[in-house]
């Protein structure tokens, strides 16, 4: 069936419908990665968006058990150039069309995604609607959609059951990490566990006192969707965690919330960073790390007060702040995704650096306890 992706600015791109037989819309973004569509589609950070894949062929290796980043597909719709209805990987459970139908997510293929990507690059991200019928009606439906900053997307993707769920590493005496789930990816939890952490995952609304109760040695601030400037309640929680001086590690939205808690600004990027080959300059080592990224908001260059935080990583594409370290507090964060799912593994060392910070705190506490005992 013939279908369209209609943008709020009146641009219309025509192709063939697949996936769920319905219409849906959201903020349209493009992703430049060559592989990893399953991880991208199940990443909660894409909630409320329409994802345009710039890779020419999508769906050729199917959908695999264990590779999803969450339990469901999060984008509102998908746009591709060449959709492979058959997949050729022996480990595939089912094809992408089946996964989209089961998730209730429409898609359109045979679209000139080069032209669509250029339109988004030149005009900036905008709202769009995917569906059949009169494309002029789709344009009006796109214009009627709420802006991303008018919806609390974090509340729609965070876990809703009270209390945490846990994951246990195989090593003895692991570090105890409380994870604030703003839309956390499974691969991030995997990396924390592999680095030697027992993780307890809490809903985004959890207060600082509950996070710090029990055996917590560090707090992780996860990735997630939406505009950090519209989440002052989450910023306030991060501020209280900073005041408690517990080791903090943030990724993506967690990085932005930490930056705002330290007094910095965040801004919306013209068309976001969505891909697996973004170069980032590590100012501590001088090395350039190739990173996976997925965000529409960023901490602008010059926004951080050097008395409160220092820049540790810088984007070589637009000079936005890709990493920071708090002054006088054991807290750091990065804008990119070191878990590399999908993407390169240049920055996996950050998970081990977080564990080393917690172990150093543990050793210091043990030393002080021994000295106190000896003094008495």
Foldseek 3Di string as FASTA:
>chain_A
DKKWKAFLVGDIWIFAKFFAADKWKAKEAEFAAQDQPQQVQQQQQQARYEYEYPHQEPFQAAAAPPLYFDDAGHHQEYEHAHYDLYHDHPRHPHTPRVRRNVRNHMYGYNTPSVVVNVCCVVQFIGMIMMHDDDSVVRSVVRVPDDHLQVDLSLVVQFDDDAWWDKDAAPDPPFAEEEEEPSRATPLVVVLLNVLRYIYTYGYNQDALVVRPPDRHQEYEYGAHYGDLVSCVSSLVRLLVVQVVQHAYEYEASRQVSNQVNQPFDKDFARRFAHYAAWWKQFQVVRDIDGFGADDRMFGAPPRGDVQFKDQGMATPVHRTGQKIATPPGNYIYGNTDCSPSPYDNRRSCVSNVSRVVSVVVVVVVVVVVVVVVVVD
